[in-house]
Amino acid sequence: MRKESVNSFYKHIHINRQDEYLWFDDKRTTGVSVTLNKYNEIIGFCIITYTTSR
């Protein structure tokens, strides 16, 4: 049985007519950042990997 990962909305940032939205998975190891312009068109998309050093 495969466990589905849960993605949750993390943060909305508004800077100079641009909106950035961040989502992370339930373990906060990967995520995605999407940037929209004032017309709500996607102008940036970035996959985020987060690792911690021990």
PDB file of N, CA and C in Angstrom:
ATOM      1  N   MET A   1       0.834  -1.171   0.000  1.00  0.00           N
ATOM      2  CA  MET A   1       0.000   0.000   0.000  1.00  0.00           C
ATOM      3  C   MET A   1       0.890   1.249   0.000  1.00  0.00           C
ATOM      4  N   ARG A   2       0.605   2.160  -0.896  1.00  0.00           N
ATOM      5  CA  ARG A   2       1.390   3.381  -1.028  1.00  0.00           C
ATOM      6  C   ARG A   2       0.720   4.511  -0.251  1.00  0.00           C
ATOM      7  N   LYS A   3       1.489   5.195   0.578  1.00  0.00           N
ATOM      8  CA  LYS A   3       0.940   6.315   1.334  1.00  0.00           C
ATOM      9  C   LYS A   3       1.037   7.584   0.495  1.00  0.00           C
ATOM     10  N   GLU A   4      -0.071   8.274   0.361  1.00  0.00           N
ATOM     11  CA  GLU A   4      -0.094   9.526  -0.380  1.00  0.00           C
ATOM     12  C   GLU A   4       0.485  10.643   0.480  1.00  0.00           C
ATOM     13  N   SER A   5       1.258  11.508  -0.134  1.00  0.00           N
ATOM     14  CA  SER A   5       1.801  12.664   0.563  1.00  0.00           C
ATOM     15  C   SER A   5       0.749  13.770   0.594  1.00  0.00           C
ATOM     16  N   VAL A   6       0.724  14.484   1.679  1.00  0.00           N
ATOM     17  CA  VAL A   6      -0.237  15.574   1.825  1.00  0.00           C
ATOM     18  C   VAL A   6       0.499  16.892   1.656  1.00  0.00           C
ATOM     19  N   ASN A   7       0.003  17.734   0.761  1.00  0.00           N
ATOM     20  CA  ASN A   7       0.584  19.056   0.562  1.00  0.00           C
ATOM     21  C   ASN A   7      -0.301  20.085   1.235  1.00  0.00           C
ATOM     22  N   SER A   8       0.326  20.999   1.942  1.00  0.00           N
ATOM     23  CA  SER A   8      -0.464  22.016   2.619  1.00  0.00           C
ATOM     24  C   SER A   8       0.053  23.407   2.279  1.00  0.00           C
ATOM     25  N   PHE A   9      -0.881  24.340   2.186  1.00  0.00           N
ATOM     26  CA  PHE A   9      -0.533  25.721   1.909  1.00  0.00           C
ATOM     27  C   PHE A   9       0.232  26.266   3.097  1.00  0.00           C
ATOM     28  N   TYR A  10       1.324  26.970   2.837  1.00  0.00           N
ATOM     29  CA  TYR A  10       2.164  27.466   3.912  1.00  0.00           C
ATOM     30  C   TYR A  10       2.080  28.979   4.058  1.00  0.00           C
ATOM     31  N   LYS A  11       2.285  29.716   2.963  1.00  0.00           N
ATOM     32  CA  LYS A  11       2.382  31.160   3.109  1.00  0.00           C
ATOM     33  C   LYS A  11       2.045  31.881   1.820  1.00  0.00           C
ATOM     34  N   HIS A  12       1.501  33.091   1.958  1.00  0.00           N
ATOM     35  CA  HIS A  12       1.245  33.985   0.839  1.00  0.00           C
ATOM     36  C   HIS A  12       2.033  35.262   1.089  1.00  0.00           C
ATOM     37  N   ILE A  13       2.833  35.678   0.108  1.00  0.00           N
ATOM     38  CA  ILE A  13       3.643  36.888   0.222  1.00  0.00           C
ATOM     39  C   ILE A  13       3.250  37.817  -0.924  1.00  0.00           C
ATOM     40  N   HIS A  14       2.982  39.092  -0.611  1.00  0.00           N
ATOM     41  CA  HIS A  14       2.623  40.074  -1.642  1.00  0.00           C
ATOM     42  C   HIS A  14       3.702  41.157  -1.674  1.00  0.00           C
ATOM     43  N   ILE A  15       4.423  41.257  -2.810  1.00  0.00           N
ATOM     44  CA  ILE A  15       5.490  42.242  -2.959  1.00  0.00           C
ATOM     45  C   ILE A  15       5.378  42.885  -4.335  1.00  0.00           C
ATOM     46  N   ASN A  16       5.257  44.211  -4.378  1.00  0.00           N
ATOM     47  CA  ASN A  16       5.258  44.975  -5.636  1.00  0.00           C
ATOM     48  C   ASN A  16       4.356  44.379  -6.716  1.00  0.00           C
ATOM     49  N   ARG A  17       3.085  44.230  -6.424  1.00  0.00           N
ATOM     50  CA  ARG A  17       2.083  43.715  -7.367  1.00  0.00           C
ATOM     51  C   ARG A  17       2.295  42.260  -7.762  1.00  0.00           C
ATOM     52  N   GLN A  18       3.163  41.561  -7.067  1.00  0.00           N
ATOM     53  CA  GLN A  18       3.375  40.139  -7.334  1.00  0.00           C
ATOM     54  C   GLN A  18       3.006  39.342  -6.089  1.00  0.00           C
ATOM     55  N   ASP A  19       2.417  38.192  -6.311  1.00  0.00           N
ATOM     56  CA  ASP A  19       2.040  37.304  -5.215  1.00  0.00           C
ATOM     57  C   ASP A  19       2.854  36.026  -5.308  1.00  0.00           C
ATOM     58  N   GLU A  20       3.367  35.587  -4.180  1.00  0.00           N
ATOM     59  CA  GLU A  20       4.087  34.318  -4.133  1.00  0.00           C
ATOM     60  C   GLU A  20       3.368  33.400  -3.153  1.00  0.00           C
ATOM     61  N   TYR A  21       3.146  32.169  -3.591  1.00  0.00           N
ATOM     62  CA  TYR A  21       2.474  31.164  -2.772  1.00  0.00           C
ATOM     63  C   TYR A  21       3.427  29.998  -2.554  1.00  0.00           C
ATOM     64  N   LEU A  22       3.463  29.494  -1.330  1.00  0.00           N
ATOM     65  CA  LEU A  22       4.344  28.383  -0.973  1.00  0.00           C
ATOM     66  C   LEU A  22       3.522  27.219  -0.436  1.00  0.00           C
ATOM     67  N   TRP A  23       3.820  26.027  -0.922  1.00  0.00           N
ATOM     68  CA  TRP A  23       3.213  24.790  -0.420  1.00  0.00           C
ATOM     69  C   TRP A  23       4.343  23.843  -0.038  1.00  0.00           C
ATOM     70  N   PHE A  24       4.146  23.075   1.035  1.00  0.00           N
ATOM     71  CA  PHE A  24       5.104  22.057   1.453  1.00  0.00           C
ATOM     72  C   PHE A  24       4.375  20.751   1.709  1.00  0.00           C
ATOM     73  N   ASP A  25       5.108  19.639   1.588  1.00  0.00           N
ATOM     74  CA  ASP A  25       4.498  18.349   1.912  1.00  0.00           C
ATOM     75  C   ASP A  25       4.397  18.203   3.429  1.00  0.00           C
ATOM     76  N   ASP A  26       3.749  17.146   3.871  1.00  0.00           N
ATOM     77  CA  ASP A  26       3.482  16.974   5.298  1.00  0.00           C
ATOM     78  C   ASP A  26       4.744  16.843   6.141  1.00  0.00           C
ATOM     79  N   LYS A  27       5.847  16.392   5.557  1.00  0.00           N
ATOM     80  CA  LYS A  27       7.100  16.259   6.303  1.00  0.00           C
ATOM     81  C   LYS A  27       8.006  17.477   6.133  1.00  0.00           C
ATOM     82  N   ARG A  28       7.569  18.459   5.356  1.00  0.00           N
ATOM     83  CA  ARG A  28       8.324  19.684   5.073  1.00  0.00           C
ATOM     84  C   ARG A  28       9.700  19.395   4.484  1.00  0.00           C
ATOM     85  N   THR A  29       9.773  18.411   3.602  1.00  0.00           N
ATOM     86  CA  THR A  29      11.039  18.103   2.941  1.00  0.00           C
ATOM     87  C   THR A  29      11.072  18.607   1.510  1.00  0.00           C
ATOM     88  N   THR A  30       9.928  18.738   0.879  1.00  0.00           N
ATOM     89  CA  THR A  30       9.848  19.289  -0.475  1.00  0.00           C
ATOM     90  C   THR A  30       8.664  20.242  -0.548  1.00  0.00           C
ATOM     91  N   GLY A  31       8.746  21.128  -1.511  1.00  0.00           N
ATOM     92  CA  GLY A  31       7.659  22.081  -1.671  1.00  0.00           C
ATOM     93  C   GLY A  31       7.724  22.734  -3.034  1.00  0.00           C
ATOM     94  N   VAL A  32       6.858  23.698  -3.229  1.00  0.00           N
ATOM     95  CA  VAL A  32       6.822  24.428  -4.488  1.00  0.00           C
ATOM     96  C   VAL A  32       6.510  25.890  -4.184  1.00  0.00           C
ATOM     97  N   SER A  33       7.139  26.764  -4.948  1.00  0.00           N
ATOM     98  CA  SER A  33       6.886  28.194  -4.863  1.00  0.00           C
ATOM     99  C   SER A  33       6.363  28.647  -6.215  1.00  0.00           C
ATOM    100  N   VAL A  34       5.235  29.349  -6.220  1.00  0.00           N
ATOM    101  CA  VAL A  34       4.640  29.852  -7.460  1.00  0.00           C
ATOM    102  C   VAL A  34       4.493  31.360  -7.333  1.00  0.00           C
ATOM    103  N   THR A  35       5.011  32.101  -8.325  1.00  0.00           N
ATOM    104  CA  THR A  35       4.911  33.553  -8.338  1.00  0.00           C
ATOM    105  C   THR A  35       3.967  33.985  -9.448  1.00  0.00           C
ATOM    106  N   LEU A  36       3.016  34.867  -9.100  1.00  0.00           N
ATOM    107  CA  LEU A  36       2.029  35.376 -10.048  1.00  0.00           C
ATOM    108  C   LEU A  36       2.198  36.884 -10.203  1.00  0.00           C
ATOM    109  N   ASN A  37       1.946  37.400 -11.426  1.00  0.00           N
ATOM    110  CA  ASN A  37       1.972  38.844 -11.616  1.00  0.00           C
ATOM    111  C   ASN A  37       0.614  39.438 -11.270  1.00  0.00           C
ATOM    112  N   LYS A  38       0.437  40.747 -11.510  1.00  0.00           N
ATOM    113  CA  LYS A  38      -0.822  41.402 -11.124  1.00  0.00           C
ATOM    114  C   LYS A  38      -2.018  40.916 -11.929  1.00  0.00           C
ATOM    115  N   TYR A  39      -1.788  40.220 -13.036  1.00  0.00           N
ATOM    116  CA  TYR A  39      -2.871  39.654 -13.842  1.00  0.00           C
ATOM    117  C   TYR A  39      -3.125  38.180 -13.503  1.00  0.00           C
ATOM    118  N   ASN A  40      -2.506  37.696 -12.424  1.00  0.00           N
ATOM    119  CA  ASN A  40      -2.601  36.302 -11.970  1.00  0.00           C
ATOM    120  C   ASN A  40      -2.069  35.304 -12.989  1.00  0.00           C
ATOM    121  N   GLU A  41      -1.053  35.722 -13.739  1.00  0.00           N
ATOM    122  CA  GLU A  41      -0.361  34.820 -14.662  1.00  0.00           C
ATOM    123  C   GLU A  41       0.880  34.296 -13.953  1.00  0.00           C
ATOM    124  N   ILE A  42       1.187  33.028 -14.153  1.00  0.00           N
ATOM    125  CA  ILE A  42       2.377  32.439 -13.529  1.00  0.00           C
ATOM    126  C   ILE A  42       3.620  32.999 -14.208  1.00  0.00           C
ATOM    127  N   ILE A  43       4.486  33.643 -13.417  1.00  0.00           N
ATOM    128  CA  ILE A  43       5.732  34.173 -13.963  1.00  0.00           C
ATOM    129  C   ILE A  43       6.950  33.483 -13.351  1.00  0.00           C
ATOM    130  N   GLY A  44       6.722  32.643 -12.362  1.00  0.00           N
ATOM    131  CA  GLY A  44       7.817  31.900 -11.757  1.00  0.00           C
ATOM    132  C   GLY A  44       7.306  30.655 -11.065  1.00  0.00           C
ATOM    133  N   PHE A  45       8.105  29.597 -11.153  1.00  0.00           N
ATOM    134  CA  PHE A  45       7.730  28.315 -10.563  1.00  0.00           C
ATOM    135  C   PHE A  45       9.019  27.654 -10.113  1.00  0.00           C
ATOM    136  N   CYS A  46       9.106  27.287  -8.859  1.00  0.00           N
ATOM    137  CA  CYS A  46      10.344  26.711  -8.340  1.00  0.00           C
ATOM    138  C   CYS A  46      10.024  25.552  -7.403  1.00  0.00           C
ATOM    139  N   ILE A  47      10.681  24.428  -7.623  1.00  0.00           N
ATOM    140  CA  ILE A  47      10.548  23.284  -6.721  1.00  0.00           C
ATOM    141  C   ILE A  47      11.603  23.429  -5.629  1.00  0.00           C
ATOM    142  N   ILE A  48      11.174  23.257  -4.399  1.00  0.00           N
ATOM    143  CA  ILE A  48      12.033  23.477  -3.242  1.00  0.00           C
ATOM    144  C   ILE A  48      12.336  22.136  -2.577  1.00  0.00           C
ATOM    145  N   THR A  49      13.606  21.886  -2.313  1.00  0.00           N
ATOM    146  CA  THR A  49      13.980  20.732  -1.491  1.00  0.00           C
ATOM    147  C   THR A  49      14.630  21.273  -0.226  1.00  0.00           C
ATOM    148  N   TYR A  50      14.234  20.731   0.884  1.00  0.00           N
ATOM    149  CA  TYR A  50      14.712  21.215   2.167  1.00  0.00           C
ATOM    150  C   TYR A  50      15.358  20.062   2.911  1.00  0.00           C
ATOM    151  N   THR A  51      16.625  20.219   3.235  1.00  0.00           N
ATOM    152  CA  THR A  51      17.324  19.194   4.006  1.00  0.00           C
ATOM    153  C   THR A  51      17.964  19.846   5.224  1.00  0.00           C
ATOM    154  N   THR A  52      18.073  19.103   6.271  1.00  0.00           N
ATOM    155  CA  THR A  52      18.735  19.598   7.472  1.00  0.00           C
ATOM    156  C   THR A  52      19.985  18.772   7.709  1.00  0.00           C
ATOM    157  N   SER A  53      21.019  19.432   8.154  1.00  0.00           N
ATOM    158  CA  SER A  53      22.245  18.698   8.472  1.00  0.00           C
ATOM    159  C   SER A  53      22.221  18.327   9.950  1.00  0.00           C
ATOM    160  N   ARG A  54      22.748  17.174  10.235  1.00  0.00           N
ATOM    161  CA  ARG A  54      22.713  16.673  11.623  1.00  0.00           C
ATOM    162  C   ARG A  54      23.985  16.942  12.341  1.00  0.00           C
TER     163      ARG A  54
END
